[in-house]
Amino acid sequence: MSVTKTVLSSVAALVVTAMAQADELKLAHFASTKYHLHVEMFVPLAEKLAEATGGETTIRIYPGGELGAGPVKQYDRVIDGVADIVYALPGYTASQFKKSLLVEIPGIVKAGTNKTEALWSNIEMLDEEFRRTKLLGLWTAGNAVLLTAEKRIEKLSDLEGLKFRVPSKNTGRLIEAWGATAVSMPITQVYQSMETGVVDGTLVDTSVLTSFKLGEVTKYVTVGMNATNSVFMLLMNRDSWDSLDGATQDKLTELTGAAMSEGGRITMTNASDKALDKWLAEGGELIELSPEAAAEFNAASDNLAATVIVELDGEGIDASGWAAALRN
């Protein structure tokens, strides 16, 4: 063999070896590259993991549904291995996360409590629900409020006959306790649905006024009632996790979990505040319920938590124990 061929063969062998040693994980999400979590969570996680492993394990981010359109199937994509890591909402596959989603219901967690912290203080109680994946992050957003396209909501009776998009079964039950009709759909379809009158509004945190441009189709935002908090998660395919060596697993564990989740909560809360301020500056109208009106809303949903706990306990899910843990 000539010297040239020998050198080329050696280079090729080195390249193959490097490729075999380097792991590139695929992280999929359904939002744009301007999305607050893309900028403040996903990109930093990729940078930190590459640095921590000396480039041996990297994360390639696929935004905007590049590995499959829409947020609803994100859980399936990580289970099936289409993506190694996904950003998803438990509410879109609510039957899988009935226990986790109990945190959404008003009254389950004491007012003023950091719900993300409460989740992670008792995270081992959710092992069964996340057994098919590796849980990297679980956090809540800012308080949900009512966004409406045309209708002013100043009292409970104003919801009668209206249709509201909801992200989960529990949020739908809350909307229905208030007397409106719940319509389940992913956030990516809400703009068109509000614009065309398919729904009259949505119950969600105000970050979507900017991140999904709902400020363009929202005339009123109503606040003041005890509402819900959406839950978000970052999940990893179990086989992808198991394929990492122990040292890399340790590094990824250090970069995720409770600390990263709290960062996600802060990012979501800040995004909600900034989006609301921007929307108000552009002419949006904020409606703050009177104490009497807020009390009417809250009274209508007072029994919801107890009802759901009894139902889940009856299914063999320890909702009573979970609720008690969250309240401590």
Protein backbone atom coordinates (compact mmCIF):
# COMPACT_ATOMS: atom_id res chain seq x y z
CA MET A 1 0.00 0.00 0.00
CA SER A 2 1.34 3.46 -0.91
CA VAL A 3 2.12 6.05 1.75
CA THR A 4 -0.75 8.21 0.50
CA LYS A 5 -3.25 5.37 0.78
CA THR A 6 -1.92 4.48 4.21
CA VAL A 7 -2.38 8.07 5.43
CA LEU A 8 -5.89 8.30 3.96
CA SER A 9 -6.85 4.99 5.56
CA SER A 10 -5.57 6.20 8.92
CA VAL A 11 -7.50 9.47 8.65
CA ALA A 12 -10.67 7.62 7.70
CA ALA A 13 -10.24 5.30 10.67
CA LEU A 14 -9.81 8.27 13.00
CA VAL A 15 -12.97 9.91 11.62
CA VAL A 16 -14.98 6.70 12.06
CA THR A 17 -13.65 6.31 15.60
CA ALA A 18 -14.53 9.91 16.46
CA MET A 19 -18.02 9.45 15.05
CA ALA A 20 -18.47 6.29 17.07
CA GLN A 21 -17.36 8.03 20.26
CA ALA A 22 -19.43 11.19 19.76
CA ASP A 23 -23.12 11.03 20.67
CA GLU A 24 -25.47 13.58 19.11
CA LEU A 25 -28.82 13.73 20.85
CA LYS A 26 -31.84 15.08 19.00
CA LEU A 27 -33.98 17.53 20.98
CA ALA A 28 -37.35 18.30 19.38
CA HIS A 29 -39.81 21.08 20.17
CA PHE A 30 -42.73 22.70 18.40
CA ALA A 31 -41.97 26.42 18.85
CA SER A 32 -39.75 28.84 16.96
CA THR A 33 -36.11 29.67 17.61
CA LYS A 34 -37.33 32.93 19.20
CA TYR A 35 -39.35 31.04 21.81
CA HIS A 36 -38.23 31.93 25.33
CA LEU A 37 -37.51 28.33 26.36
CA HIS A 38 -35.53 27.69 23.17
CA VAL A 39 -33.32 30.68 23.95
CA GLU A 40 -33.08 30.31 27.73
CA MET A 41 -33.31 26.56 28.31
CA PHE A 42 -32.70 24.38 25.26
CA VAL A 43 -29.73 26.19 23.72
CA PRO A 44 -27.94 26.65 27.08
CA LEU A 45 -28.49 22.97 27.90
CA ALA A 46 -26.89 21.96 24.61
CA GLU A 47 -23.95 24.30 25.17
CA LYS A 48 -23.38 23.15 28.74
CA LEU A 49 -23.55 19.44 27.89
CA ALA A 50 -21.06 19.84 25.04
CA GLU A 51 -18.71 21.72 27.35
CA ALA A 52 -19.13 19.24 30.21
CA THR A 53 -18.34 16.26 27.96
CA GLY A 54 -15.58 17.86 25.93
CA GLY A 55 -17.77 17.63 22.84
CA GLU A 56 -18.25 13.88 23.15
CA THR A 57 -21.99 14.24 23.71
CA THR A 58 -23.86 17.04 21.98
CA ILE A 59 -27.48 18.07 21.52
CA ARG A 60 -28.86 19.13 18.14
CA ILE A 61 -32.09 21.09 18.48
CA TYR A 62 -34.91 20.61 15.99
CA PRO A 63 -37.34 23.54 16.50
CA GLY A 64 -40.65 24.30 14.87
CA GLY A 65 -41.82 20.71 14.59
CA GLU A 66 -38.96 19.65 12.29
CA LEU A 67 -39.19 16.08 13.56
CA GLY A 68 -42.99 16.09 13.38
CA ALA A 69 -45.51 18.90 13.28
CA GLY A 70 -47.53 19.94 16.30
CA PRO A 71 -47.10 19.53 20.05
CA VAL A 72 -49.68 16.81 20.69
CA LYS A 73 -47.51 13.89 19.50
CA GLN A 74 -44.32 14.96 21.27
CA TYR A 75 -44.67 12.25 23.92
CA ASP A 76 -45.07 9.60 21.22
CA ARG A 77 -41.95 10.88 19.46
CA VAL A 78 -39.77 10.37 22.49
CA ILE A 79 -41.30 6.97 23.26
CA ASP A 80 -40.76 5.84 19.65
CA GLY A 81 -37.24 7.26 19.50
CA VAL A 82 -37.97 9.76 16.72
CA ALA A 83 -36.30 12.24 19.06
CA ASP A 84 -33.96 11.54 21.96
CA ILE A 85 -35.33 14.47 23.98
CA VAL A 86 -38.64 16.32 23.62
CA TYR A 87 -40.31 19.35 25.09
CA ALA A 88 -43.96 18.56 25.74
CA LEU A 89 -47.03 19.25 27.86
CA PRO A 90 -48.42 16.43 30.00
CA GLY A 91 -51.88 17.86 29.33
CA TYR A 92 -51.74 16.78 25.69
CA THR A 93 -51.51 13.15 26.81
CA ALA A 94 -53.50 13.60 30.00
CA SER A 95 -54.41 9.93 30.42
CA GLN A 96 -50.72 9.14 30.94
CA PHE A 97 -50.17 11.88 33.54
CA LYS A 98 -53.31 12.02 35.65
CA LYS A 99 -51.39 12.25 38.91
CA SER A 100 -48.90 14.88 37.72
CA LEU A 101 -51.68 17.04 36.33
CA LEU A 102 -53.52 17.23 39.63
CA VAL A 103 -51.27 20.22 40.35
CA GLU A 104 -53.23 22.17 37.72
CA ILE A 105 -56.44 22.29 39.76
CA PRO A 106 -57.07 25.30 42.01
CA GLY A 107 -56.86 24.42 45.69
CA ILE A 108 -54.55 21.42 45.35
CA VAL A 109 -51.50 23.55 46.15
CA LYS A 110 -51.72 26.40 48.65
CA ALA A 111 -51.94 29.87 47.15
CA GLY A 112 -48.53 31.48 46.90
CA THR A 113 -46.68 28.15 46.84
CA ASN A 114 -44.01 27.54 44.22
CA LYS A 115 -45.66 24.65 42.37
CA THR A 116 -42.48 23.62 40.56
CA GLU A 117 -40.69 23.34 43.88
CA ALA A 118 -43.61 21.35 45.30
CA LEU A 119 -43.41 18.93 42.36
CA TRP A 120 -39.70 18.30 42.78
CA SER A 121 -39.92 17.97 46.54
CA ASN A 122 -42.09 14.91 45.93
CA ILE A 123 -40.89 13.85 42.48
CA GLU A 124 -40.36 10.20 43.45
CA MET A 125 -44.15 9.88 43.79
CA LEU A 126 -44.39 10.35 40.01
CA ASP A 127 -41.98 7.54 39.10
CA GLU A 128 -44.77 5.33 37.77
CA GLU A 129 -46.04 7.97 35.34
CA PHE A 130 -42.58 8.64 33.93
CA ARG A 131 -41.36 5.03 33.91
CA ARG A 132 -41.24 4.85 30.08
CA THR A 133 -38.93 7.86 29.79
CA LYS A 134 -36.15 9.62 31.64
CA LEU A 135 -37.58 12.74 33.24
CA LEU A 136 -35.22 15.70 32.74
CA GLY A 137 -37.52 18.59 33.61
CA LEU A 138 -40.99 19.34 34.98
CA TRP A 139 -42.22 22.85 35.70
CA THR A 140 -45.24 25.14 35.76
CA ALA A 141 -45.94 28.42 34.00
CA GLY A 142 -47.43 31.65 35.29
CA ASN A 143 -51.05 31.71 36.40
CA ALA A 144 -53.56 31.14 33.63
CA VAL A 145 -55.96 33.95 32.78
CA LEU A 146 -58.82 34.41 30.34
CA LEU A 147 -57.93 35.72 26.90
CA THR A 148 -60.92 36.65 24.74
CA ALA A 149 -61.20 37.78 21.15
CA GLU A 150 -64.31 39.95 21.47
CA LYS A 151 -66.20 39.34 24.72
CA ARG A 152 -65.57 41.25 27.94
CA ILE A 153 -65.51 38.92 30.95
CA GLU A 154 -66.37 40.83 34.11
CA LYS A 155 -68.52 38.28 35.96
CA LEU A 156 -69.14 34.55 35.88
CA SER A 157 -72.35 34.79 33.85
CA ASP A 158 -70.39 36.42 30.99
CA LEU A 159 -68.94 32.98 30.19
CA GLU A 160 -72.32 31.44 29.47
CA GLY A 161 -72.49 30.13 25.91
CA LEU A 162 -68.82 30.80 25.17
CA LYS A 163 -66.23 28.28 23.95
CA PHE A 164 -62.73 28.28 25.42
CA ARG A 165 -59.71 26.42 24.19
CA VAL A 166 -58.04 24.37 26.94
CA PRO A 167 -54.69 22.52 27.01
CA SER A 168 -55.75 19.66 29.28
CA LYS A 169 -58.68 17.75 30.73
CA ASN A 170 -58.37 19.43 34.13
CA THR A 171 -58.35 22.90 32.61
CA GLY A 172 -61.43 21.89 30.66
CA ARG A 173 -63.19 20.83 33.82
CA LEU A 174 -62.39 24.19 35.37
CA ILE A 175 -63.79 26.08 32.38
CA GLU A 176 -66.94 23.97 32.48
CA ALA A 177 -67.34 24.55 36.22
CA TRP A 178 -67.42 28.24 35.31
CA GLY A 179 -70.23 27.60 32.81
CA ALA A 180 -68.40 27.77 29.46
CA THR A 181 -67.68 25.01 26.92
CA ALA A 182 -64.18 23.53 26.82
CA VAL A 183 -62.53 22.87 23.46
CA SER A 184 -59.28 20.88 23.53
CA MET A 185 -56.63 21.87 20.99
CA PRO A 186 -52.88 22.51 20.85
CA ILE A 187 -51.63 26.06 21.30
CA THR A 188 -50.46 26.15 17.68
CA GLN A 189 -54.10 26.14 16.49
CA VAL A 190 -55.46 28.79 18.85
CA TYR A 191 -54.60 31.89 16.78
CA GLN A 192 -56.68 30.81 13.80
CA SER A 193 -59.44 29.44 16.03
CA MET A 194 -59.81 32.75 17.89
CA GLU A 195 -59.53 34.74 14.68
CA THR A 196 -62.28 32.76 12.95
CA GLY A 197 -64.57 32.37 15.96
CA VAL A 198 -64.12 28.63 16.39
CA VAL A 199 -63.40 29.52 20.03
CA ASP A 200 -64.13 32.72 21.90
CA GLY A 201 -60.95 32.63 23.93
CA THR A 202 -58.50 30.54 25.89
CA LEU A 203 -57.45 29.96 29.49
CA VAL A 204 -53.65 30.18 29.50
CA ASP A 205 -50.70 32.18 30.82
CA THR A 206 -50.01 35.46 29.05
CA SER A 207 -46.66 34.45 27.54
CA VAL A 208 -48.62 33.24 24.50
CA LEU A 209 -49.62 36.82 23.69
CA THR A 210 -46.12 37.09 22.22
CA SER A 211 -44.74 33.58 21.75
CA PHE A 212 -47.70 32.40 19.67
CA LYS A 213 -48.85 35.90 18.62
CA LEU A 214 -52.21 35.61 20.37
CA GLY A 215 -51.96 39.29 21.26
CA GLU A 216 -52.99 39.97 17.67
CA VAL A 217 -56.36 38.25 18.16
CA THR A 218 -56.97 39.04 21.85
CA LYS A 219 -58.94 42.13 22.80
CA TYR A 220 -59.39 41.45 26.53
CA VAL A 221 -57.47 39.69 29.29
CA THR A 222 -59.38 38.95 32.50
CA VAL A 223 -57.53 38.28 35.77
CA GLY A 224 -58.38 37.87 39.44
CA MET A 225 -59.88 34.39 39.79
CA ASN A 226 -58.19 31.25 41.12
CA ALA A 227 -57.29 29.49 37.90
CA THR A 228 -54.81 26.86 36.77
CA ASN A 229 -51.15 26.49 35.88
CA SER A 230 -50.05 24.55 32.82
CA VAL A 231 -47.36 21.94 33.37
CA PHE A 232 -44.40 21.46 31.00
CA MET A 233 -41.84 18.69 30.73
CA LEU A 234 -38.55 17.74 29.11
CA LEU A 235 -38.33 13.99 28.52
CA MET A 236 -35.63 11.67 27.22
CA ASN A 237 -36.03 8.37 25.43
CA ARG A 238 -35.17 5.58 27.86
CA ASP A 239 -32.93 3.70 25.39
CA SER A 240 -31.10 6.92 24.51
CA TRP A 241 -30.47 7.52 28.21
CA ASP A 242 -29.29 3.97 28.80
CA SER A 243 -26.89 4.23 25.85
CA LEU A 244 -24.94 7.03 27.57
CA ASP A 245 -22.01 6.08 29.74
CA GLY A 246 -22.30 6.65 33.48
CA ALA A 247 -20.15 9.78 33.49
CA THR A 248 -22.27 11.42 30.80
CA GLN A 249 -25.47 10.45 32.60
CA ASP A 250 -24.10 12.11 35.73
CA LYS A 251 -23.29 15.31 33.83
CA LEU A 252 -26.73 15.44 32.20
CA THR A 253 -28.36 14.82 35.58
CA GLU A 254 -26.42 17.75 37.05
CA LEU A 255 -27.59 20.03 34.23
CA THR A 256 -31.28 19.10 34.44
CA GLY A 257 -33.76 18.14 37.16
CA ALA A 258 -35.02 20.52 39.83
CA ALA A 259 -32.62 23.39 39.13
CA MET A 260 -33.27 23.48 35.39
CA SER A 261 -37.01 23.16 36.04
CA GLU A 262 -36.99 26.15 38.36
CA GLY A 263 -35.19 28.04 35.63
CA GLY A 264 -37.98 27.04 33.26
CA ARG A 265 -40.60 28.32 35.68
CA ILE A 266 -38.80 31.64 36.01
CA THR A 267 -38.40 31.92 32.25
CA MET A 268 -42.09 31.24 31.69
CA THR A 269 -43.17 33.68 34.40
CA ASN A 270 -40.92 36.44 33.10
CA ALA A 271 -42.12 35.82 29.55
CA SER A 272 -45.73 36.13 30.76
CA ASP A 273 -45.05 39.46 32.48
CA LYS A 274 -43.18 40.90 29.49
CA ALA A 275 -45.80 39.74 26.99
CA LEU A 276 -48.64 41.25 29.02
CA ASP A 277 -46.82 44.57 29.39
CA LYS A 278 -46.14 44.68 25.65
CA TRP A 279 -49.75 43.82 24.80
CA LEU A 280 -51.09 46.50 27.14
CA ALA A 281 -48.73 49.07 25.65
CA GLU A 282 -50.14 48.20 22.22
CA GLY A 283 -53.71 48.88 23.34
CA GLY A 284 -54.95 45.67 24.93
CA GLU A 285 -57.45 45.97 27.80
CA LEU A 286 -56.88 44.26 31.15
CA ILE A 287 -60.02 43.46 33.16
CA GLU A 288 -59.48 42.88 36.87
CA LEU A 289 -62.39 41.10 38.49
CA SER A 290 -64.01 42.79 41.45
CA PRO A 291 -63.67 40.89 44.76
CA GLU A 292 -67.30 39.85 44.46
CA ALA A 293 -66.88 38.59 40.90
CA ALA A 294 -63.68 36.72 41.78
CA ALA A 295 -65.42 35.07 44.72
CA GLU A 296 -68.19 33.91 42.38
CA PHE A 297 -65.65 32.26 40.06
CA ASN A 298 -63.85 30.62 42.97
CA ALA A 299 -67.04 29.32 44.54
CA ALA A 300 -68.00 27.67 41.26
CA SER A 301 -64.79 25.64 41.25
CA ASP A 302 -64.47 24.99 44.99
CA ASN A 303 -65.50 21.34 44.78
CA LEU A 304 -63.43 20.47 41.71
CA ALA A 305 -60.28 19.42 43.56
CA ALA A 306 -62.14 17.08 45.92
CA THR A 307 -64.11 15.57 43.03
CA VAL A 308 -61.02 14.79 40.96
CA ILE A 309 -59.15 13.33 43.96
CA VAL A 310 -62.03 10.93 44.69
CA GLU A 311 -62.16 9.88 41.02
CA LEU A 312 -58.43 9.21 40.79
CA ASP A 313 -58.35 7.37 44.10
CA GLY A 314 -61.11 5.17 42.70
CA GLU A 315 -58.88 4.36 39.71
CA GLY A 316 -56.12 3.19 42.01
CA ILE A 317 -54.09 6.37 41.70
CA ASP A 318 -53.02 7.72 45.08
CA ALA A 319 -54.32 11.23 44.44
CA SER A 320 -55.05 11.81 48.13
CA GLY A 321 -51.46 11.08 49.10
CA TRP A 322 -50.10 13.15 46.22
CA ALA A 323 -52.32 16.12 47.08
CA ALA A 324 -51.32 15.93 50.73
CA ALA A 325 -47.63 15.87 49.79
CA LEU A 326 -48.04 18.90 47.51
CA ARG A 327 -49.72 20.86 50.30
CA ASN A 328 -46.88 20.29 52.79
